[in-house]
Amino acid sequence: MIERKINLKILIPIVLLSIISIITIYSAMTYTSSSLGNLALKQGLWYIVGWILVIIVAKLKNEYFYQFSWYFYIIGNILLLLLLFFGTPINNSRCWFTIPGIGSFQPSEFMKIFIMLVLASMIHSFRSKYKNPGIKEEFIFILKTLVIVGIPSILTFLQPDTGCVLMYLIIYASMMFVSGLRMRWFATAIFLFTILILGIMWLYFFKEGLFIKIFGTSIYYRLERIFNWSTGSGLQLENALAAIGSAGLFGHGYNNTPIYFPESSTDFIFAVYASNFGLLGVFILFAIIIFLDINIFTLTRKKIEDTNKYIIAGILGMLLFQQIQNIGMTIGLFPITGITLPFISYGGSSLLSYMLLVGILLNISVKKNRTYHYR
């Protein structure tokens, strides 16, 4: 019999974030189309479904997810491929399937979980097979993992959804960093990545025609949209900064966002919250987020399976990146990439994927450790 202990240090922040999410989305509805319906009510319903998933997942062994990780991964890639042909076009992207009577479904949100599960299983198998792997063994292993991440990354990029591709890469980097590989691989990767980025930027700024010939106009305009952040241009950023900057210590008051900006319930939800509740409200939100992140990290200090530690690394890397990127782009520190704020922004697929991860985290925090046996 496994003795379980509810981890309130993870549950309580999620409950608080769910309350903040629903009330902020309600406030954001002032500037959202009426055709979208009551987004706050929908988010509340998604949270109810999410908590049901948390209960189900928390009662299962994570072993089940690791055993079937490859099946999840294959199904996820099939769905990403089908999106290119049958996805519903929204804002020039095919990222969603439309399910009549329910809404839209975004497979890339769940693909993040499938990548975590497969990588965790692969790292576990590699470390079990090679106690002291040589450079050759590590190189072959890295190539295999790059293929695993590369396939969904290409399919997602073609939708196009650059934000999710970034998340795949962040998850990959986080999990590989704790895998025990030699640090020289990370130094080499950083060097090559820097050279690649510098090369692309040189083409973009100084050889515009050659850049378009190589990468096409679609990628050119995507980069143009990203680089606009440095000049502070764009309706979203300008109006978001105005709303936040005028909020003061206590904000303009609940449900009183003084200025319009697009994507107020999703990408720019933080601007709505900050304008309503001011600097004090922002400090409270930051405290809740930091408290959650710290308690997720402390799970790695328990006597748990290495596979679970790899999963935690992926989850924590993903959350930290999304939190920093979303808030940073809202206040003009980072490019606008369409990355949402976890547990706060509106979205059924993204919220359910986060709640599935909460269930996995709660399962990891079981008081007595399990020993997993799987291939």
Protein backbone atom coordinates (compact mmCIF):
# COMPACT_ATOMS: atom_id res chain seq x y z
CA MET A 1 0.00 0.00 0.00
CA ILE A 2 1.46 3.37 -1.04
CA GLU A 3 1.07 6.13 1.50
CA ARG A 4 0.13 9.35 -0.21
CA LYS A 5 0.61 12.86 1.00
CA ILE A 6 -1.17 15.73 -0.73
CA ASN A 7 1.35 18.38 -1.72
CA LEU A 8 -0.46 21.57 -0.73
CA LYS A 9 2.59 23.64 -1.66
CA ILE A 10 1.81 22.84 -5.28
CA LEU A 11 -1.99 22.67 -5.09
CA ILE A 12 -2.55 26.00 -3.29
CA PRO A 13 -0.63 28.13 -5.84
CA ILE A 14 -2.53 26.44 -8.69
CA VAL A 15 -5.86 27.23 -6.99
CA LEU A 16 -4.81 30.87 -6.51
CA LEU A 17 -3.65 31.13 -10.13
CA SER A 18 -6.95 29.66 -11.32
CA ILE A 19 -8.86 32.38 -9.45
CA ILE A 20 -6.60 35.09 -10.86
CA SER A 21 -7.00 33.60 -14.35
CA ILE A 22 -10.80 33.59 -14.34
CA ILE A 23 -11.27 37.08 -12.88
CA THR A 24 -8.63 38.58 -15.21
CA ILE A 25 -10.12 36.93 -18.30
CA TYR A 26 -13.51 38.32 -17.25
CA SER A 27 -11.96 41.78 -17.15
CA ALA A 28 -10.30 41.20 -20.53
CA MET A 29 -13.69 40.40 -22.08
CA THR A 30 -14.31 44.15 -22.30
CA TYR A 31 -12.18 44.16 -25.44
CA THR A 32 -12.81 40.67 -26.84
CA SER A 33 -15.31 39.86 -29.55
CA SER A 34 -18.78 38.84 -28.34
CA SER A 35 -18.66 36.02 -30.89
CA LEU A 36 -16.12 34.26 -28.65
CA GLY A 37 -18.71 33.91 -25.90
CA ASN A 38 -18.09 34.12 -22.16
CA LEU A 39 -14.37 33.30 -22.01
CA ALA A 40 -14.25 33.50 -18.22
CA LEU A 41 -17.01 30.90 -17.92
CA LYS A 42 -15.26 28.70 -20.49
CA GLN A 43 -11.98 28.98 -18.60
CA GLY A 44 -13.78 28.01 -15.39
CA LEU A 45 -15.20 24.92 -17.11
CA TRP A 46 -11.76 24.04 -18.48
CA TYR A 47 -10.38 24.31 -14.97
CA ILE A 48 -13.05 21.91 -13.70
CA VAL A 49 -12.08 19.41 -16.41
CA GLY A 50 -8.44 20.07 -15.56
CA TRP A 51 -8.91 19.26 -11.88
CA ILE A 52 -10.65 16.03 -12.84
CA LEU A 53 -7.59 15.16 -14.94
CA VAL A 54 -5.32 16.02 -12.00
CA ILE A 55 -7.20 13.59 -9.77
CA ILE A 56 -7.09 10.82 -12.38
CA VAL A 57 -3.40 11.28 -13.20
CA ALA A 58 -2.41 11.62 -9.53
CA LYS A 59 -4.02 8.25 -8.80
CA LEU A 60 -2.04 6.54 -11.56
CA LYS A 61 1.60 5.56 -11.54
CA ASN A 62 3.84 7.68 -13.72
CA GLU A 63 5.17 4.32 -14.90
CA TYR A 64 2.11 4.02 -17.13
CA PHE A 65 2.94 7.26 -18.91
CA TYR A 66 6.56 6.23 -19.44
CA GLN A 67 5.52 2.81 -20.78
CA PHE A 68 3.18 4.33 -23.36
CA SER A 69 5.28 7.43 -24.07
CA TRP A 70 6.21 6.29 -27.59
CA TYR A 71 2.57 5.69 -28.48
CA PHE A 72 1.68 9.19 -27.24
CA TYR A 73 4.60 10.61 -29.22
CA ILE A 74 3.57 8.88 -32.48
CA ILE A 75 -0.07 9.93 -32.09
CA GLY A 76 1.04 13.50 -31.37
CA ASN A 77 3.12 13.66 -34.55
CA ILE A 78 0.28 12.22 -36.62
CA LEU A 79 -2.01 14.95 -35.29
CA LEU A 80 0.57 17.63 -36.10
CA LEU A 81 0.85 16.27 -39.63
CA LEU A 82 -2.93 16.18 -40.10
CA LEU A 83 -3.14 19.81 -38.96
CA LEU A 84 -1.25 20.88 -42.08
CA PHE A 85 -4.10 19.50 -44.21
CA PHE A 86 -7.22 19.64 -42.05
CA GLY A 87 -6.45 22.26 -39.39
CA THR A 88 -8.74 25.26 -39.02
CA PRO A 89 -7.02 28.43 -40.34
CA ILE A 90 -6.90 31.07 -37.57
CA ASN A 91 -4.74 34.19 -37.96
CA ASN A 92 -2.94 32.60 -40.94
CA SER A 93 -1.97 29.53 -38.88
CA ARG A 94 -3.22 25.95 -38.87
CA CYS A 95 -2.62 25.12 -35.21
CA TRP A 96 -6.08 23.93 -34.21
CA PHE A 97 -8.67 21.27 -34.97
CA THR A 98 -12.25 22.47 -34.58
CA ILE A 99 -14.44 20.07 -32.59
CA PRO A 100 -18.16 20.88 -33.09
CA GLY A 101 -19.92 21.69 -29.82
CA ILE A 102 -16.67 21.78 -27.85
CA GLY A 103 -14.28 24.25 -29.46
CA SER A 104 -10.74 24.10 -30.77
CA PHE A 105 -8.01 21.60 -29.93
CA GLN A 106 -4.29 22.40 -30.22
CA PRO A 107 -2.15 19.23 -30.44
CA SER A 108 1.16 21.10 -30.02
CA GLU A 109 0.26 21.90 -26.40
CA PHE A 110 0.11 18.19 -25.57
CA MET A 111 3.13 17.43 -27.75
CA LYS A 112 5.22 19.23 -25.11
CA ILE A 113 4.22 16.54 -22.60
CA PHE A 114 4.84 13.70 -25.05
CA ILE A 115 8.34 15.02 -25.76
CA MET A 116 9.06 15.17 -22.03
CA LEU A 117 7.91 11.57 -21.50
CA VAL A 118 9.91 10.17 -24.43
CA LEU A 119 13.07 12.09 -23.54
CA ALA A 120 12.81 11.05 -19.89
CA SER A 121 12.50 7.40 -20.95
CA MET A 122 15.39 7.72 -23.41
CA ILE A 123 17.70 9.39 -20.88
CA HIS A 124 16.80 6.78 -18.26
CA SER A 125 17.55 3.92 -20.68
CA PHE A 126 20.82 5.53 -21.77
CA ARG A 127 22.04 6.09 -18.21
CA SER A 128 21.04 2.53 -17.28
CA LYS A 129 22.93 1.04 -20.23
CA TYR A 130 26.07 3.19 -19.96
CA LYS A 131 27.30 3.96 -16.47
CA ASN A 132 30.33 5.77 -17.89
CA PRO A 133 29.54 6.48 -21.55
CA GLY A 134 32.26 7.60 -23.93
CA ILE A 135 32.10 10.52 -26.32
CA LYS A 136 30.95 8.25 -29.16
CA GLU A 137 28.04 6.85 -27.15
CA GLU A 138 27.01 10.32 -26.03
CA PHE A 139 27.21 11.68 -29.57
CA ILE A 140 24.97 8.92 -30.94
CA PHE A 141 22.52 9.46 -28.09
CA ILE A 142 22.39 13.22 -28.75
CA LEU A 143 21.68 12.60 -32.45
CA LYS A 144 18.80 10.28 -31.54
CA THR A 145 17.27 12.82 -29.16
CA LEU A 146 17.66 15.60 -31.73
CA VAL A 147 15.66 13.53 -34.22
CA ILE A 148 12.94 12.97 -31.61
CA VAL A 149 12.63 16.70 -30.95
CA GLY A 150 13.27 17.70 -34.56
CA ILE A 151 10.29 15.88 -36.09
CA PRO A 152 7.54 17.67 -34.09
CA SER A 153 9.52 20.92 -34.27
CA ILE A 154 9.45 20.90 -38.09
CA LEU A 155 5.76 19.94 -38.20
CA THR A 156 4.88 22.67 -35.70
CA PHE A 157 7.02 25.27 -37.47
CA LEU A 158 5.14 24.60 -40.72
CA GLN A 159 1.76 25.46 -39.10
CA PRO A 160 3.38 27.99 -38.29
CA ASP A 161 3.72 28.11 -34.48
CA THR A 162 7.16 29.43 -33.60
CA GLY A 163 6.26 29.79 -29.92
CA CYS A 164 5.67 26.07 -29.42
CA VAL A 165 8.86 25.22 -31.32
CA LEU A 166 10.77 27.37 -28.83
CA MET A 167 9.09 25.48 -26.01
CA TYR A 168 10.16 22.12 -27.46
CA LEU A 169 13.76 23.34 -27.60
CA ILE A 170 13.64 24.74 -24.05
CA ILE A 171 12.26 21.43 -22.75
CA TYR A 172 14.97 19.55 -24.64
CA ALA A 173 17.78 21.77 -23.35
CA SER A 174 16.50 21.59 -19.74
CA MET A 175 16.23 17.81 -19.70
CA MET A 176 19.53 17.21 -21.46
CA PHE A 177 21.29 19.57 -19.05
CA VAL A 178 20.40 17.33 -16.08
CA SER A 179 21.03 14.10 -18.00
CA GLY A 180 24.69 13.87 -16.96
CA LEU A 181 26.21 14.52 -20.39
CA ARG A 182 29.62 16.14 -20.65
CA MET A 183 29.47 19.93 -20.46
CA ARG A 184 31.50 20.24 -23.68
CA TRP A 185 28.37 19.29 -25.63
CA PHE A 186 26.49 22.28 -24.23
CA ALA A 187 29.41 24.63 -24.88
CA THR A 188 29.57 23.38 -28.48
CA ALA A 189 25.80 23.75 -28.91
CA ILE A 190 25.85 27.32 -27.60
CA PHE A 191 28.72 28.21 -29.94
CA LEU A 192 27.03 26.71 -33.01
CA PHE A 193 23.67 28.26 -32.11
CA THR A 194 25.29 31.68 -31.70
CA ILE A 195 26.99 31.40 -35.11
CA LEU A 196 23.68 30.33 -36.70
CA ILE A 197 21.73 33.23 -35.18
CA LEU A 198 24.39 35.76 -36.12
CA GLY A 199 24.41 34.40 -39.69
CA ILE A 200 20.62 34.63 -39.99
CA MET A 201 20.58 38.16 -38.55
CA TRP A 202 23.35 39.26 -40.95
CA LEU A 203 21.32 38.00 -43.90
CA TYR A 204 18.15 39.60 -42.55
CA PHE A 205 19.66 43.06 -42.02
CA PHE A 206 22.23 43.26 -44.82
CA LYS A 207 21.19 40.73 -47.50
CA GLU A 208 17.41 40.99 -47.51
CA GLY A 209 16.94 39.57 -51.01
CA LEU A 210 19.19 36.58 -50.35
CA PHE A 211 17.41 35.96 -47.03
CA ILE A 212 14.01 35.82 -48.77
CA LYS A 213 15.39 33.49 -51.45
CA ILE A 214 16.71 31.08 -48.82
CA PHE A 215 13.98 31.22 -46.17
CA GLY A 216 10.98 32.67 -47.99
CA THR A 217 8.76 35.68 -47.29
CA SER A 218 6.81 33.95 -44.52
CA ILE A 219 9.85 33.61 -42.25
CA TYR A 220 11.00 37.12 -43.23
CA TYR A 221 7.75 38.69 -42.04
CA ARG A 222 7.78 36.59 -38.89
CA LEU A 223 11.23 37.91 -38.04
CA GLU A 224 10.12 41.43 -38.90
CA ARG A 225 7.31 41.08 -36.39
CA ILE A 226 9.73 39.86 -33.73
CA PHE A 227 12.31 42.58 -34.32
CA ASN A 228 9.63 45.29 -34.08
CA TRP A 229 9.75 44.91 -30.31
CA SER A 230 13.11 46.70 -30.10
CA THR A 231 11.58 49.93 -31.38
CA GLY A 232 8.51 49.63 -29.21
CA SER A 233 6.32 49.61 -32.31
CA GLY A 234 3.08 47.73 -32.64
CA LEU A 235 -0.40 48.33 -31.26
CA GLN A 236 -0.19 45.47 -28.77
CA LEU A 237 3.03 46.56 -27.09
CA GLU A 238 2.35 50.30 -27.13
CA ASN A 239 -1.12 49.98 -25.60
CA ALA A 240 -0.04 47.30 -23.13
CA LEU A 241 2.77 49.52 -21.88
CA ALA A 242 0.35 52.45 -21.56
CA ALA A 243 -2.13 50.33 -19.57
CA ILE A 244 0.56 48.98 -17.22
CA GLY A 245 2.46 52.24 -16.86
CA SER A 246 -0.61 54.21 -15.83
CA ALA A 247 -1.80 51.65 -13.26
CA GLY A 248 0.26 52.95 -10.34
CA LEU A 249 0.44 51.11 -7.02
CA PHE A 250 -3.17 49.90 -6.79
CA GLY A 251 -4.23 49.85 -10.44
CA HIS A 252 -7.25 51.30 -12.22
CA GLY A 253 -9.58 48.93 -10.40
CA TYR A 254 -11.03 45.55 -11.24
CA ASN A 255 -12.67 45.24 -14.66
CA ASN A 256 -11.34 48.64 -15.61
CA THR A 257 -8.73 48.27 -18.35
CA PRO A 258 -8.35 51.83 -19.72
CA ILE A 259 -7.06 51.02 -23.20
CA TYR A 260 -7.59 48.42 -25.91
CA PHE A 261 -4.96 45.96 -27.11
CA PRO A 262 -5.37 42.73 -29.11
CA GLU A 263 -5.05 39.26 -27.55
CA SER A 264 -5.96 40.67 -24.14
CA SER A 265 -7.22 37.33 -22.83
CA THR A 266 -4.28 35.25 -24.07
CA ASP A 267 -0.83 36.63 -24.94
CA PHE A 268 -1.32 39.97 -23.13
CA ILE A 269 -3.31 38.78 -20.11
CA PHE A 270 -0.57 40.08 -17.78
CA ALA A 271 -1.18 43.64 -19.05
CA VAL A 272 -4.87 43.34 -18.14
CA TYR A 273 -4.03 42.04 -14.66
CA ALA A 274 -1.37 44.71 -14.04
CA SER A 275 -3.61 47.55 -15.23
CA ASN A 276 -6.44 46.36 -12.95
CA PHE A 277 -4.46 45.64 -9.79
CA GLY A 278 -1.33 47.74 -10.15
CA LEU A 279 2.14 47.19 -8.76
CA LEU A 280 0.82 45.62 -5.56
CA GLY A 281 -1.17 43.05 -7.51
CA VAL A 282 1.88 42.28 -9.66
CA PHE A 283 3.98 41.60 -6.55
CA ILE A 284 1.30 39.20 -5.27
CA LEU A 285 1.21 37.37 -8.62
CA PHE A 286 5.01 37.14 -8.72
CA ALA A 287 5.04 35.75 -5.17
CA ILE A 288 2.57 33.00 -6.10
CA ILE A 289 4.50 32.07 -9.26
CA ILE A 290 7.87 32.01 -7.49
CA PHE A 291 6.41 29.96 -4.61
CA LEU A 292 5.11 27.39 -7.12
CA ASP A 293 8.38 27.20 -9.05
CA ILE A 294 10.46 26.78 -5.89
CA ASN A 295 8.28 23.95 -4.64
CA ILE A 296 8.45 22.18 -8.00
CA PHE A 297 12.24 22.45 -7.82
CA THR A 298 12.33 21.05 -4.26
CA LEU A 299 10.79 17.82 -5.58
CA THR A 300 14.17 17.05 -7.16
CA ARG A 301 15.72 16.92 -3.67
CA LYS A 302 13.48 14.04 -2.65
CA LYS A 303 14.49 10.41 -3.13
CA ILE A 304 12.75 9.92 -6.44
CA GLU A 305 13.49 8.04 -9.63
CA ASP A 306 15.91 9.74 -12.02
CA THR A 307 13.22 9.58 -14.70
CA ASN A 308 11.01 11.80 -12.58
CA LYS A 309 13.88 14.25 -12.09
CA TYR A 310 14.21 14.56 -15.85
CA ILE A 311 10.48 15.25 -16.14
CA ILE A 312 10.68 17.92 -13.43
CA ALA A 313 13.57 19.57 -15.29
CA GLY A 314 11.46 19.73 -18.44
CA ILE A 315 8.41 21.09 -16.62
CA LEU A 316 10.39 23.68 -14.68
CA GLY A 317 12.35 24.80 -17.74
CA MET A 318 9.12 25.20 -19.70
CA LEU A 319 7.31 27.14 -16.95
CA LEU A 320 10.23 29.47 -16.22
CA PHE A 321 10.73 30.27 -19.88
CA GLN A 322 7.04 30.95 -20.48
CA GLN A 323 6.69 33.08 -17.35
CA ILE A 324 9.76 35.19 -18.14
CA GLN A 325 9.08 35.45 -21.88
CA ASN A 326 5.38 36.31 -21.58
CA ILE A 327 5.80 38.97 -18.90
CA GLY A 328 8.99 40.24 -20.55
CA MET A 329 7.36 40.70 -23.97
CA THR A 330 4.37 42.43 -22.35
CA ILE A 331 6.61 45.12 -20.84
CA GLY A 332 8.86 45.42 -23.90
CA LEU A 333 11.91 43.51 -22.67
CA PHE A 334 11.61 40.60 -25.11
CA PRO A 335 10.20 40.04 -28.61
CA ILE A 336 6.50 39.29 -29.00
CA THR A 337 6.33 35.57 -29.71
CA GLY A 338 2.76 34.58 -28.86
CA ILE A 339 3.81 32.58 -25.79
CA THR A 340 1.08 32.56 -23.14
CA LEU A 341 1.31 32.87 -19.34
CA PRO A 342 0.85 29.40 -17.76
CA PHE A 343 -2.33 28.86 -15.73
CA ILE A 344 -3.42 32.47 -16.40
CA SER A 345 -3.98 32.96 -20.15
CA TYR A 346 -7.17 31.70 -21.73
CA GLY A 347 -6.98 28.42 -23.63
CA GLY A 348 -8.48 24.98 -23.12
CA SER A 349 -5.69 22.92 -24.70
CA SER A 350 -2.87 24.76 -22.95
CA LEU A 351 -4.63 24.70 -19.57
CA LEU A 352 -5.42 20.99 -19.77
CA SER A 353 -1.81 20.23 -20.69
CA TYR A 354 -0.59 22.17 -17.64
CA MET A 355 -3.08 20.38 -15.38
CA LEU A 356 -1.88 17.01 -16.68
CA LEU A 357 1.61 18.04 -15.63
CA VAL A 358 0.29 19.05 -12.20
CA GLY A 359 -1.07 15.51 -11.83
CA ILE A 360 2.33 14.08 -12.79
CA LEU A 361 4.04 16.36 -10.25
CA LEU A 362 1.64 15.30 -7.50
CA ASN A 363 2.33 11.67 -8.37
CA ILE A 364 6.06 12.33 -8.06
CA SER A 365 5.54 13.88 -4.62
CA VAL A 366 4.13 10.63 -3.20
CA LYS A 367 5.56 10.23 0.31
CA LYS A 368 7.04 6.80 -0.29
CA ASN A 369 9.11 6.37 -3.41
CA ARG A 370 8.25 3.79 -6.03
CA THR A 371 10.68 1.79 -8.12
CA TYR A 372 9.76 1.73 -11.80
CA HIS A 373 10.55 -1.07 -14.20
CA TYR A 374 9.97 -0.39 -17.85
CA ARG A 375 11.67 -0.57 -21.18
